[in-house]
Amino acid sequence: MFVSVVICSYNRAAYIGAALDSLYHQTASKDDFEVIVVDNNSSDGTDEVVKTWRAANPDGHFYYSTETKQGASFARNKGAALAKADWLCFMDDDAIATPDYIQNIIRHTQSHPTVLGFGGKIIPKYIPEEPRWMSYYVSSLVGNFDYAPVACPFENGKYPLESNMILKKSAFDLVGGFNEAIPGVVGTLRIGGEGKELFYKVIALGEKIYYDPSICVYHVVEVKKLTPEYMYRVASGIGRGERARTKAISQKAFLMKIAEYIIKLGAAVLLGFKYLFQLHPAKFWPIIQFRIDALKGLLNR
């Protein structure tokens, strides 16, 4: 067995079946990987969906577990502890892997034998369609991620996103896994950036993290759920995560992050006016609101 795919699931009964289907029908041999679903206190019947799916698809190595401590970091750490393979892959419960996903993970590790971590492309799958106000700069909030057209190292502090990231289990254990002080979603509160914090710890070891666009998933985005309240929760959660991460380093790091966020807010205003002048008025405010909300989270407002 080569890779353990860990899926942290919270109330995605409507989509977890499609995620599992995409992994069940891989071009790679089913003996090359295992899938561990960690149910993080779902109340929508996710457990029954997974059990029914498994009964209908008995081949391969697919397992179900639970984690009662709320938050993706707790659930992902639980899945990693159960994993048997040398490589850990973290995928979201509403993501759909391309058919050659596992095969391309294996290929990447073989062509980059010294690399400890990498991530891939994430393409939003809007239901029913992409909203008019969505722009490239806001789409990162719904998981859009396309770093480069070819495989290459991440530069300038960039890193994989949580819904499509792969890490050698020995490196994961060495850095202590996900920081549970940055748990992700807990009820209506989000403290995000757990993936960033994890990979920054690996980078601090002197390691390069790679990007490979052939390792690709589609991420379901229900447009009706993209309310101002939801977008605030995600954007402010990024700020809260950065608050926790930088304060753990030093007060100076935290103050530098505030300065960075203020600069980014100014840049967002300029980009907003650019969209306005290009006759895309619907894109004007969301890009500015994103940066306002992220700054509010950073300042714990």
C-alpha atoms as a PDB file:
ATOM      1  CA  MET A   1       0.000   0.000   0.000  1.00  0.00           C
ATOM      2  CA  PHE A   2       1.434   3.332  -1.080  1.00  0.00           C
ATOM      3  CA  VAL A   3      -0.872   6.159   0.036  1.00  0.00           C
ATOM      4  CA  SER A   4      -3.554   6.683   2.687  1.00  0.00           C
ATOM      5  CA  VAL A   5      -6.299   9.118   1.637  1.00  0.00           C
ATOM      6  CA  VAL A   6      -7.834  10.797   4.691  1.00  0.00           C
ATOM      7  CA  ILE A   7     -11.254  12.414   4.246  1.00  0.00           C
ATOM      8  CA  CYS A   8     -12.471  14.520   7.150  1.00  0.00           C
ATOM      9  CA  SER A   9     -16.265  14.686   6.873  1.00  0.00           C
ATOM     10  CA  TYR A  10     -18.774  16.972   8.529  1.00  0.00           C
ATOM     11  CA  ASN A  11     -22.398  16.981   7.321  1.00  0.00           C
ATOM     12  CA  ARG A  12     -21.679  16.221   3.670  1.00  0.00           C
ATOM     13  CA  ALA A  13     -23.989  13.241   3.291  1.00  0.00           C
ATOM     14  CA  ALA A  14     -25.102  14.605  -0.084  1.00  0.00           C
ATOM     15  CA  TYR A  15     -21.557  14.587  -1.500  1.00  0.00           C
ATOM     16  CA  ILE A  16     -19.440  12.022   0.351  1.00  0.00           C
ATOM     17  CA  GLY A  17     -20.689   9.231  -1.936  1.00  0.00           C
ATOM     18  CA  ALA A  18     -19.382  11.005  -5.040  1.00  0.00           C
ATOM     19  CA  ALA A  19     -16.026  11.582  -3.339  1.00  0.00           C
ATOM     20  CA  LEU A  20     -15.761   7.872  -2.527  1.00  0.00           C
ATOM     21  CA  ASP A  21     -16.904   6.881  -6.038  1.00  0.00           C
ATOM     22  CA  SER A  22     -14.128   8.969  -7.557  1.00  0.00           C
ATOM     23  CA  LEU A  23     -11.549   7.108  -5.468  1.00  0.00           C
ATOM     24  CA  TYR A  24     -13.118   3.694  -6.026  1.00  0.00           C
ATOM     25  CA  HIS A  25     -12.830   4.068  -9.804  1.00  0.00           C
ATOM     26  CA  GLN A  26      -9.166   5.041  -9.982  1.00  0.00           C
ATOM     27  CA  THR A  27      -6.806   3.823 -12.693  1.00  0.00           C
ATOM     28  CA  ALA A  28      -4.396   2.753  -9.939  1.00  0.00           C
ATOM     29  CA  SER A  29      -4.728  -0.659  -8.350  1.00  0.00           C
ATOM     30  CA  LYS A  30      -6.964  -0.682  -5.280  1.00  0.00           C
ATOM     31  CA  ASP A  31      -4.080  -2.314  -3.419  1.00  0.00           C
ATOM     32  CA  ASP A  32      -1.991   0.850  -3.913  1.00  0.00           C
ATOM     33  CA  PHE A  33      -4.096   2.961  -1.558  1.00  0.00           C
ATOM     34  CA  GLU A  34      -6.552   3.053   1.316  1.00  0.00           C
ATOM     35  CA  VAL A  35      -9.277   5.575   2.109  1.00  0.00           C
ATOM     36  CA  ILE A  36     -10.101   6.568   5.694  1.00  0.00           C
ATOM     37  CA  VAL A  37     -13.280   8.582   6.264  1.00  0.00           C
ATOM     38  CA  VAL A  38     -13.256  10.340   9.638  1.00  0.00           C
ATOM     39  CA  ASP A  39     -16.747  11.480  10.610  1.00  0.00           C
ATOM     40  CA  ASN A  40     -16.400  14.657  12.708  1.00  0.00           C
ATOM     41  CA  ASN A  41     -19.769  14.636  14.538  1.00  0.00           C
ATOM     42  CA  SER A  42     -21.988  14.720  11.452  1.00  0.00           C
ATOM     43  CA  SER A  43     -25.716  14.886  12.182  1.00  0.00           C
ATOM     44  CA  ASP A  44     -27.056  14.407   8.649  1.00  0.00           C
ATOM     45  CA  GLY A  45     -26.733  10.641   8.280  1.00  0.00           C
ATOM     46  CA  THR A  46     -23.202  10.671   6.871  1.00  0.00           C
ATOM     47  CA  ASP A  47     -22.476   7.430   8.736  1.00  0.00           C
ATOM     48  CA  GLU A  48     -25.346   5.587   7.050  1.00  0.00           C
ATOM     49  CA  VAL A  49     -24.400   6.948   3.630  1.00  0.00           C
ATOM     50  CA  VAL A  50     -20.827   5.705   4.020  1.00  0.00           C
ATOM     51  CA  LYS A  51     -21.903   2.298   5.343  1.00  0.00           C
ATOM     52  CA  THR A  52     -24.460   1.852   2.541  1.00  0.00           C
ATOM     53  CA  TRP A  53     -21.882   2.927  -0.039  1.00  0.00           C
ATOM     54  CA  ARG A  54     -19.350   0.470   1.344  1.00  0.00           C
ATOM     55  CA  ALA A  55     -21.813  -2.408   1.235  1.00  0.00           C
ATOM     56  CA  ALA A  56     -22.414  -1.679  -2.454  1.00  0.00           C
ATOM     57  CA  ASN A  57     -18.679  -1.283  -3.176  1.00  0.00           C
ATOM     58  CA  PRO A  58     -16.881  -4.013  -1.219  1.00  0.00           C
ATOM     59  CA  ASP A  59     -13.525  -4.052  -3.019  1.00  0.00           C
ATOM     60  CA  GLY A  60     -10.410  -2.153  -1.949  1.00  0.00           C
ATOM     61  CA  HIS A  61      -9.417  -0.671   1.382  1.00  0.00           C
ATOM     62  CA  PHE A  62     -12.084   1.793   2.542  1.00  0.00           C
ATOM     63  CA  TYR A  63     -12.595   2.477   6.257  1.00  0.00           C
ATOM     64  CA  TYR A  64     -14.868   4.555   8.447  1.00  0.00           C
ATOM     65  CA  SER A  65     -13.952   6.115  11.783  1.00  0.00           C
ATOM     66  CA  THR A  66     -15.147   8.926  14.041  1.00  0.00           C
ATOM     67  CA  GLU A  67     -13.617  11.878  15.884  1.00  0.00           C
ATOM     68  CA  THR A  68     -15.725  13.638  18.521  1.00  0.00           C
ATOM     69  CA  LYS A  69     -13.424  16.639  19.013  1.00  0.00           C
ATOM     70  CA  GLN A  70     -14.850  19.193  16.621  1.00  0.00           C
ATOM     71  CA  GLY A  71     -12.552  20.602  13.984  1.00  0.00           C
ATOM     72  CA  ALA A  72     -10.791  19.411  10.840  1.00  0.00           C
ATOM     73  CA  SER A  73      -7.372  19.355  12.500  1.00  0.00           C
ATOM     74  CA  PHE A  74      -8.589  16.856  15.111  1.00  0.00           C
ATOM     75  CA  ALA A  75     -10.237  14.673  12.449  1.00  0.00           C
ATOM     76  CA  ARG A  76      -7.273  14.754  10.077  1.00  0.00           C
ATOM     77  CA  ASN A  77      -4.882  13.878  12.886  1.00  0.00           C
ATOM     78  CA  LYS A  78      -7.130  10.948  13.780  1.00  0.00           C
ATOM     79  CA  GLY A  79      -7.070   9.724  10.194  1.00  0.00           C
ATOM     80  CA  ALA A  80      -3.288  10.095  10.007  1.00  0.00           C
ATOM     81  CA  ALA A  81      -2.917   8.038  13.198  1.00  0.00           C
ATOM     82  CA  LEU A  82      -4.934   5.235  11.591  1.00  0.00           C
ATOM     83  CA  ALA A  83      -3.077   5.366   8.268  1.00  0.00           C
ATOM     84  CA  LYS A  84      -0.939   2.408   7.224  1.00  0.00           C
ATOM     85  CA  ALA A  85       0.820   3.839   4.155  1.00  0.00           C
ATOM     86  CA  ASP A  86       4.035   5.861   3.882  1.00  0.00           C
ATOM     87  CA  TRP A  87       2.223   8.813   2.296  1.00  0.00           C
ATOM     88  CA  LEU A  88      -0.775  10.768   3.573  1.00  0.00           C
ATOM     89  CA  CYS A  89      -3.205  12.433   1.202  1.00  0.00           C
ATOM     90  CA  PHE A  90      -5.855  14.810   2.549  1.00  0.00           C
ATOM     91  CA  MET A  91      -8.969  15.308   0.417  1.00  0.00           C
ATOM     92  CA  ASP A  92     -12.252  17.056   1.232  1.00  0.00           C
ATOM     93  CA  ASP A  93     -15.565  15.256   1.602  1.00  0.00           C
ATOM     94  CA  ASP A  94     -17.092  17.320  -1.223  1.00  0.00           C
ATOM     95  CA  ALA A  95     -14.160  16.874  -3.622  1.00  0.00           C
ATOM     96  CA  ILE A  96     -14.076  14.599  -6.653  1.00  0.00           C
ATOM     97  CA  ALA A  97     -10.729  13.108  -7.654  1.00  0.00           C
ATOM     98  CA  THR A  98      -9.851  12.711 -11.311  1.00  0.00           C
ATOM     99  CA  PRO A  99      -9.485   9.063 -12.436  1.00  0.00           C
ATOM    100  CA  ASP A 100      -5.669   9.180 -12.470  1.00  0.00           C
ATOM    101  CA  TYR A 101      -5.393  11.007  -9.125  1.00  0.00           C
ATOM    102  CA  ILE A 102      -3.697   8.198  -7.162  1.00  0.00           C
ATOM    103  CA  GLN A 103      -1.566   7.152 -10.125  1.00  0.00           C
ATOM    104  CA  ASN A 104      -0.257  10.712 -10.492  1.00  0.00           C
ATOM    105  CA  ILE A 105       0.518  10.912  -6.777  1.00  0.00           C
ATOM    106  CA  ILE A 106       2.596   7.735  -7.090  1.00  0.00           C
ATOM    107  CA  ARG A 107       4.288   9.021 -10.253  1.00  0.00           C
ATOM    108  CA  HIS A 108       5.155  12.337  -8.586  1.00  0.00           C
ATOM    109  CA  THR A 109       6.784  10.678  -5.576  1.00  0.00           C
ATOM    110  CA  GLN A 110       8.820   8.421  -7.846  1.00  0.00           C
ATOM    111  CA  SER A 111      10.054  11.325  -9.985  1.00  0.00           C
ATOM    112  CA  HIS A 112      10.807  13.472  -6.898  1.00  0.00           C
ATOM    113  CA  PRO A 113      12.119  10.890  -4.410  1.00  0.00           C
ATOM    114  CA  THR A 114      13.496  13.408  -1.893  1.00  0.00           C
ATOM    115  CA  VAL A 115      10.395  15.617  -1.683  1.00  0.00           C
ATOM    116  CA  LEU A 116       8.398  15.344   1.555  1.00  0.00           C
ATOM    117  CA  GLY A 117       5.220  17.165   0.554  1.00  0.00           C
ATOM    118  CA  PHE A 118       3.252  18.437  -2.417  1.00  0.00           C
ATOM    119  CA  GLY A 119      -0.202  19.504  -3.542  1.00  0.00           C
ATOM    120  CA  GLY A 120      -2.248  19.751  -6.689  1.00  0.00           C
ATOM    121  CA  LYS A 121      -4.859  21.638  -8.632  1.00  0.00           C
ATOM    122  CA  ILE A 122      -8.366  22.325  -7.281  1.00  0.00           C
ATOM    123  CA  ILE A 123     -11.109  23.271  -9.741  1.00  0.00           C
ATOM    124  CA  PRO A 124     -14.385  24.649  -8.341  1.00  0.00           C
ATOM    125  CA  LYS A 125     -17.500  22.824  -9.533  1.00  0.00           C
ATOM    126  CA  TYR A 126     -20.163  25.498  -9.132  1.00  0.00           C
ATOM    127  CA  ILE A 127     -23.743  24.321  -8.658  1.00  0.00           C
ATOM    128  CA  PRO A 128     -25.596  25.481 -10.685  1.00  0.00           C
ATOM    129  CA  GLU A 129     -23.059  27.959 -12.165  1.00  0.00           C
ATOM    130  CA  GLU A 130     -20.357  30.442 -11.233  1.00  0.00           C
ATOM    131  CA  PRO A 131     -21.912  33.636  -9.803  1.00  0.00           C
ATOM    132  CA  ARG A 132     -21.382  36.909 -11.664  1.00  0.00           C
ATOM    133  CA  TRP A 133     -19.619  38.476  -8.675  1.00  0.00           C
ATOM    134  CA  MET A 134     -16.977  35.765  -8.423  1.00  0.00           C
ATOM    135  CA  SER A 135     -13.451  36.762  -9.433  1.00  0.00           C
ATOM    136  CA  TYR A 136     -10.082  35.042  -9.440  1.00  0.00           C
ATOM    137  CA  TYR A 137      -9.087  36.854  -6.249  1.00  0.00           C
ATOM    138  CA  VAL A 138     -12.200  35.791  -4.326  1.00  0.00           C
ATOM    139  CA  SER A 139     -12.396  32.255  -5.718  1.00  0.00           C
ATOM    140  CA  SER A 140      -9.642  31.090  -3.368  1.00  0.00           C
ATOM    141  CA  LEU A 141     -12.301  31.252  -0.638  1.00  0.00           C
ATOM    142  CA  VAL A 142     -14.167  28.424  -2.376  1.00  0.00           C
ATOM    143  CA  GLY A 143     -11.043  26.368  -3.010  1.00  0.00           C
ATOM    144  CA  ASN A 144      -9.959  27.483  -6.481  1.00  0.00           C
ATOM    145  CA  PHE A 145      -6.252  26.712  -6.774  1.00  0.00           C
ATOM    146  CA  ASP A 146      -4.083  26.606  -9.890  1.00  0.00           C
ATOM    147  CA  TYR A 147      -0.539  27.593  -8.958  1.00  0.00           C
ATOM    148  CA  ALA A 148       1.353  26.768 -12.158  1.00  0.00           C
ATOM    149  CA  PRO A 149       0.908  24.956 -15.513  1.00  0.00           C
ATOM    150  CA  VAL A 150       3.683  22.445 -14.778  1.00  0.00           C
ATOM    151  CA  ALA A 151       5.103  20.653 -11.742  1.00  0.00           C
ATOM    152  CA  CYS A 152       7.407  22.951  -9.776  1.00  0.00           C
ATOM    153  CA  PRO A 153       8.380  23.945  -6.227  1.00  0.00           C
ATOM    154  CA  PHE A 154       6.193  26.398  -4.363  1.00  0.00           C
ATOM    155  CA  GLU A 155       7.894  29.771  -3.945  1.00  0.00           C
ATOM    156  CA  ASN A 156       7.390  32.964  -1.937  1.00  0.00           C
ATOM    157  CA  GLY A 157       5.573  31.359   0.957  1.00  0.00           C
ATOM    158  CA  LYS A 158       2.953  29.580  -1.168  1.00  0.00           C
ATOM    159  CA  TYR A 159       1.697  26.153  -0.120  1.00  0.00           C
ATOM    160  CA  PRO A 160      -0.942  23.500  -0.993  1.00  0.00           C
ATOM    161  CA  LEU A 161      -4.558  23.913   0.064  1.00  0.00           C
ATOM    162  CA  GLU A 162      -6.130  21.517   2.546  1.00  0.00           C
ATOM    163  CA  SER A 163      -8.496  19.807   0.112  1.00  0.00           C
ATOM    164  CA  ASN A 164      -5.665  18.435  -2.020  1.00  0.00           C
ATOM    165  CA  MET A 165      -2.377  17.991  -0.182  1.00  0.00           C
ATOM    166  CA  ILE A 166       0.035  15.099   0.216  1.00  0.00           C
ATOM    167  CA  LEU A 167       2.724  14.647   2.836  1.00  0.00           C
ATOM    168  CA  LYS A 168       5.099  11.845   3.779  1.00  0.00           C
ATOM    169  CA  LYS A 169       3.825  10.314   6.999  1.00  0.00           C
ATOM    170  CA  SER A 170       7.255  10.409   8.617  1.00  0.00           C
ATOM    171  CA  ALA A 171       7.417  14.190   8.008  1.00  0.00           C
ATOM    172  CA  PHE A 172       3.853  14.627   9.268  1.00  0.00           C
ATOM    173  CA  ASP A 173       4.747  12.819  12.487  1.00  0.00           C
ATOM    174  CA  LEU A 174       8.031  14.699  12.827  1.00  0.00           C
ATOM    175  CA  VAL A 175       6.338  18.133  12.835  1.00  0.00           C
ATOM    176  CA  GLY A 176       3.505  16.953  15.096  1.00  0.00           C
ATOM    177  CA  GLY A 177       0.708  16.891  12.518  1.00  0.00           C
ATOM    178  CA  PHE A 178      -1.952  19.571  12.357  1.00  0.00           C
ATOM    179  CA  ASN A 179      -1.876  22.217  15.075  1.00  0.00           C
ATOM    180  CA  GLU A 180      -5.112  21.632  16.980  1.00  0.00           C
ATOM    181  CA  ALA A 181      -5.074  25.258  18.169  1.00  0.00           C
ATOM    182  CA  ILE A 182      -5.966  26.002  14.531  1.00  0.00           C
ATOM    183  CA  PRO A 183      -8.837  23.515  14.227  1.00  0.00           C
ATOM    184  CA  GLY A 184     -10.657  24.718  11.111  1.00  0.00           C
ATOM    185  CA  VAL A 185     -14.458  24.890  11.447  1.00  0.00           C
ATOM    186  CA  VAL A 186     -15.924  24.565  14.937  1.00  0.00           C
ATOM    187  CA  GLY A 187     -19.667  25.201  14.832  1.00  0.00           C
ATOM    188  CA  THR A 188     -20.181  28.644  13.287  1.00  0.00           C
ATOM    189  CA  LEU A 189     -16.610  29.730  14.069  1.00  0.00           C
ATOM    190  CA  ARG A 190     -13.726  29.140  11.716  1.00  0.00           C
ATOM    191  CA  ILE A 191     -10.039  29.314  12.622  1.00  0.00           C
ATOM    192  CA  GLY A 192      -8.423  28.398   9.329  1.00  0.00           C
ATOM    193  CA  GLY A 193      -4.970  28.036   7.855  1.00  0.00           C
ATOM    194  CA  GLU A 194      -4.191  24.675   9.407  1.00  0.00           C
ATOM    195  CA  GLY A 195      -2.641  23.455   6.156  1.00  0.00           C
ATOM    196  CA  LYS A 196      -0.441  26.527   5.866  1.00  0.00           C
ATOM    197  CA  GLU A 197       0.827  26.085   9.413  1.00  0.00           C
ATOM    198  CA  LEU A 198       1.568  22.411   8.753  1.00  0.00           C
ATOM    199  CA  PHE A 199       3.541  23.021   5.579  1.00  0.00           C
ATOM    200  CA  TYR A 200       5.404  25.973   7.067  1.00  0.00           C
ATOM    201  CA  LYS A 201       6.687  23.586   9.743  1.00  0.00           C
ATOM    202  CA  VAL A 202       7.926  21.239   7.014  1.00  0.00           C
ATOM    203  CA  ILE A 203       9.505  24.114   5.076  1.00  0.00           C
ATOM    204  CA  ALA A 204      11.251  25.177   8.312  1.00  0.00           C
ATOM    205  CA  LEU A 205      13.086  21.839   8.150  1.00  0.00           C
ATOM    206  CA  GLY A 206      14.742  23.111   4.976  1.00  0.00           C
ATOM    207  CA  GLU A 207      12.473  21.166   2.634  1.00  0.00           C
ATOM    208  CA  LYS A 208      10.892  22.223  -0.661  1.00  0.00           C
ATOM    209  CA  ILE A 209       7.155  21.695  -1.181  1.00  0.00           C
ATOM    210  CA  TYR A 210       6.041  20.923  -4.735  1.00  0.00           C
ATOM    211  CA  TYR A 211       2.989  21.612  -6.871  1.00  0.00           C
ATOM    212  CA  ASP A 212       1.780  19.219  -9.556  1.00  0.00           C
ATOM    213  CA  PRO A 213      -1.292  20.225 -11.636  1.00  0.00           C
ATOM    214  CA  SER A 214      -1.844  16.647 -12.797  1.00  0.00           C
ATOM    215  CA  ILE A 215      -2.878  15.776  -9.227  1.00  0.00           C
ATOM    216  CA  CYS A 216      -6.316  17.299  -9.563  1.00  0.00           C
ATOM    217  CA  VAL A 217      -9.670  17.336  -7.778  1.00  0.00           C
ATOM    218  CA  TYR A 218     -12.945  19.111  -8.432  1.00  0.00           C
ATOM    219  CA  HIS A 219     -14.445  20.892  -5.430  1.00  0.00           C
ATOM    220  CA  VAL A 220     -18.232  21.191  -5.189  1.00  0.00           C
ATOM    221  CA  VAL A 221     -19.448  24.753  -4.519  1.00  0.00           C
ATOM    222  CA  GLU A 222     -23.167  25.232  -3.857  1.00  0.00           C
ATOM    223  CA  VAL A 223     -23.745  28.825  -4.957  1.00  0.00           C
ATOM    224  CA  LYS A 224     -26.854  29.191  -2.779  1.00  0.00           C
ATOM    225  CA  LYS A 225     -24.630  28.754   0.282  1.00  0.00           C
ATOM    226  CA  LEU A 226     -22.300  31.614  -0.695  1.00  0.00           C
ATOM    227  CA  THR A 227     -24.111  34.111   1.503  1.00  0.00           C
ATOM    228  CA  PRO A 228     -22.374  37.171   2.999  1.00  0.00           C
ATOM    229  CA  GLU A 229     -22.395  35.359   6.349  1.00  0.00           C
ATOM    230  CA  TYR A 230     -20.667  32.304   4.839  1.00  0.00           C
ATOM    231  CA  MET A 231     -18.068  34.371   2.996  1.00  0.00           C
ATOM    232  CA  TYR A 232     -17.370  36.338   6.185  1.00  0.00           C
ATOM    233  CA  ARG A 233     -16.901  33.113   8.150  1.00  0.00           C
ATOM    234  CA  VAL A 234     -14.369  31.780   5.630  1.00  0.00           C
ATOM    235  CA  ALA A 235     -12.465  35.050   5.118  1.00  0.00           C
ATOM    236  CA  SER A 236     -12.380  35.979   8.800  1.00  0.00           C
ATOM    237  CA  GLY A 237     -11.349  32.409   9.580  1.00  0.00           C
ATOM    238  CA  ILE A 238      -8.228  32.913   7.498  1.00  0.00           C
ATOM    239  CA  GLY A 239      -7.435  35.967   9.606  1.00  0.00           C
ATOM    240  CA  ARG A 240      -8.094  34.136  12.877  1.00  0.00           C
ATOM    241  CA  GLY A 241      -5.781  31.343  11.796  1.00  0.00           C
ATOM    242  CA  GLU A 242      -3.030  33.831  10.977  1.00  0.00           C
ATOM    243  CA  ARG A 243      -3.594  35.510  14.335  1.00  0.00           C
ATOM    244  CA  ALA A 244      -3.043  32.203  16.139  1.00  0.00           C
ATOM    245  CA  ARG A 245      -0.065  31.229  13.970  1.00  0.00           C
ATOM    246  CA  THR A 246       1.824  34.531  14.134  1.00  0.00           C
ATOM    247  CA  LYS A 247       1.159  35.203  17.821  1.00  0.00           C
ATOM    248  CA  ALA A 248       2.667  31.799  18.568  1.00  0.00           C
ATOM    249  CA  ILE A 249       5.832  33.033  16.833  1.00  0.00           C
ATOM    250  CA  SER A 250       6.119  36.547  18.311  1.00  0.00           C
ATOM    251  CA  GLN A 251       4.319  39.862  18.740  1.00  0.00           C
ATOM    252  CA  LYS A 252       6.505  41.261  15.968  1.00  0.00           C
ATOM    253  CA  ALA A 253       5.311  38.555  13.555  1.00  0.00           C
ATOM    254  CA  PHE A 254       1.709  39.398  14.437  1.00  0.00           C
ATOM    255  CA  LEU A 255       2.249  43.141  13.852  1.00  0.00           C
ATOM    256  CA  MET A 256       3.958  42.431  10.535  1.00  0.00           C
ATOM    257  CA  LYS A 257       0.943  40.338   9.505  1.00  0.00           C
ATOM    258  CA  ILE A 258      -1.375  43.259  10.342  1.00  0.00           C
ATOM    259  CA  ALA A 259       0.732  45.512   8.108  1.00  0.00           C
ATOM    260  CA  GLU A 260       0.615  42.897   5.329  1.00  0.00           C
ATOM    261  CA  TYR A 261      -3.182  42.643   5.568  1.00  0.00           C
ATOM    262  CA  ILE A 262      -3.573  46.431   5.406  1.00  0.00           C
ATOM    263  CA  ILE A 263      -1.436  46.498   2.256  1.00  0.00           C
ATOM    264  CA  LYS A 264      -3.518  43.689   0.762  1.00  0.00           C
ATOM    265  CA  LEU A 265      -6.698  45.626   1.562  1.00  0.00           C
ATOM    266  CA  GLY A 266      -5.301  48.612  -0.339  1.00  0.00           C
ATOM    267  CA  ALA A 267      -4.440  46.368  -3.281  1.00  0.00           C
ATOM    268  CA  ALA A 268      -7.966  44.921  -3.186  1.00  0.00           C
ATOM    269  CA  VAL A 269      -9.434  48.413  -3.495  1.00  0.00           C
ATOM    270  CA  LEU A 270      -7.326  49.018  -6.602  1.00  0.00           C
ATOM    271  CA  LEU A 271      -8.333  45.661  -8.082  1.00  0.00           C
ATOM    272  CA  GLY A 272     -11.969  46.421  -7.315  1.00  0.00           C
ATOM    273  CA  PHE A 273     -11.805  49.661  -9.266  1.00  0.00           C
ATOM    274  CA  LYS A 274     -10.069  47.799 -12.097  1.00  0.00           C
ATOM    275  CA  TYR A 275     -13.081  45.486 -12.373  1.00  0.00           C
ATOM    276  CA  LEU A 276     -15.372  48.521 -12.217  1.00  0.00           C
ATOM    277  CA  PHE A 277     -13.575  50.200 -15.110  1.00  0.00           C
ATOM    278  CA  GLN A 278     -13.677  46.923 -17.052  1.00  0.00           C
ATOM    279  CA  LEU A 279     -17.487  47.012 -16.731  1.00  0.00           C
ATOM    280  CA  HIS A 280     -17.697  44.172 -14.222  1.00  0.00           C
ATOM    281  CA  PRO A 281     -19.363  46.077 -11.356  1.00  0.00           C
ATOM    282  CA  ALA A 282     -20.563  42.893  -9.599  1.00  0.00           C
ATOM    283  CA  LYS A 283     -16.920  41.967  -8.909  1.00  0.00           C
ATOM    284  CA  PHE A 284     -16.080  45.355  -7.351  1.00  0.00           C
ATOM    285  CA  TRP A 285     -17.148  44.945  -3.735  1.00  0.00           C
ATOM    286  CA  PRO A 286     -16.610  41.206  -2.973  1.00  0.00           C
ATOM    287  CA  ILE A 287     -12.850  41.463  -3.456  1.00  0.00           C
ATOM    288  CA  ILE A 288     -12.696  44.391  -1.022  1.00  0.00           C
ATOM    289  CA  GLN A 289     -15.046  42.710   1.448  1.00  0.00           C
ATOM    290  CA  PHE A 290     -12.813  39.622   1.438  1.00  0.00           C
ATOM    291  CA  ARG A 291      -9.860  41.652   2.679  1.00  0.00           C
ATOM    292  CA  ILE A 292     -11.936  43.594   5.219  1.00  0.00           C
ATOM    293  CA  ASP A 293     -13.264  40.350   6.690  1.00  0.00           C
ATOM    294  CA  ALA A 294      -9.824  38.743   6.767  1.00  0.00           C
ATOM    295  CA  LEU A 295      -8.466  41.793   8.617  1.00  0.00           C
ATOM    296  CA  LYS A 296     -11.359  41.614  11.097  1.00  0.00           C
ATOM    297  CA  GLY A 297     -10.498  37.990  11.836  1.00  0.00           C
ATOM    298  CA  LEU A 298      -6.833  38.857  12.292  1.00  0.00           C
ATOM    299  CA  LEU A 299      -7.784  41.578  14.777  1.00  0.00           C
ATOM    300  CA  ASN A 300     -10.308  39.254  16.454  1.00  0.00           C
ATOM    301  CA  ARG A 301     -13.199  41.604  15.682  1.00  0.00           C
END
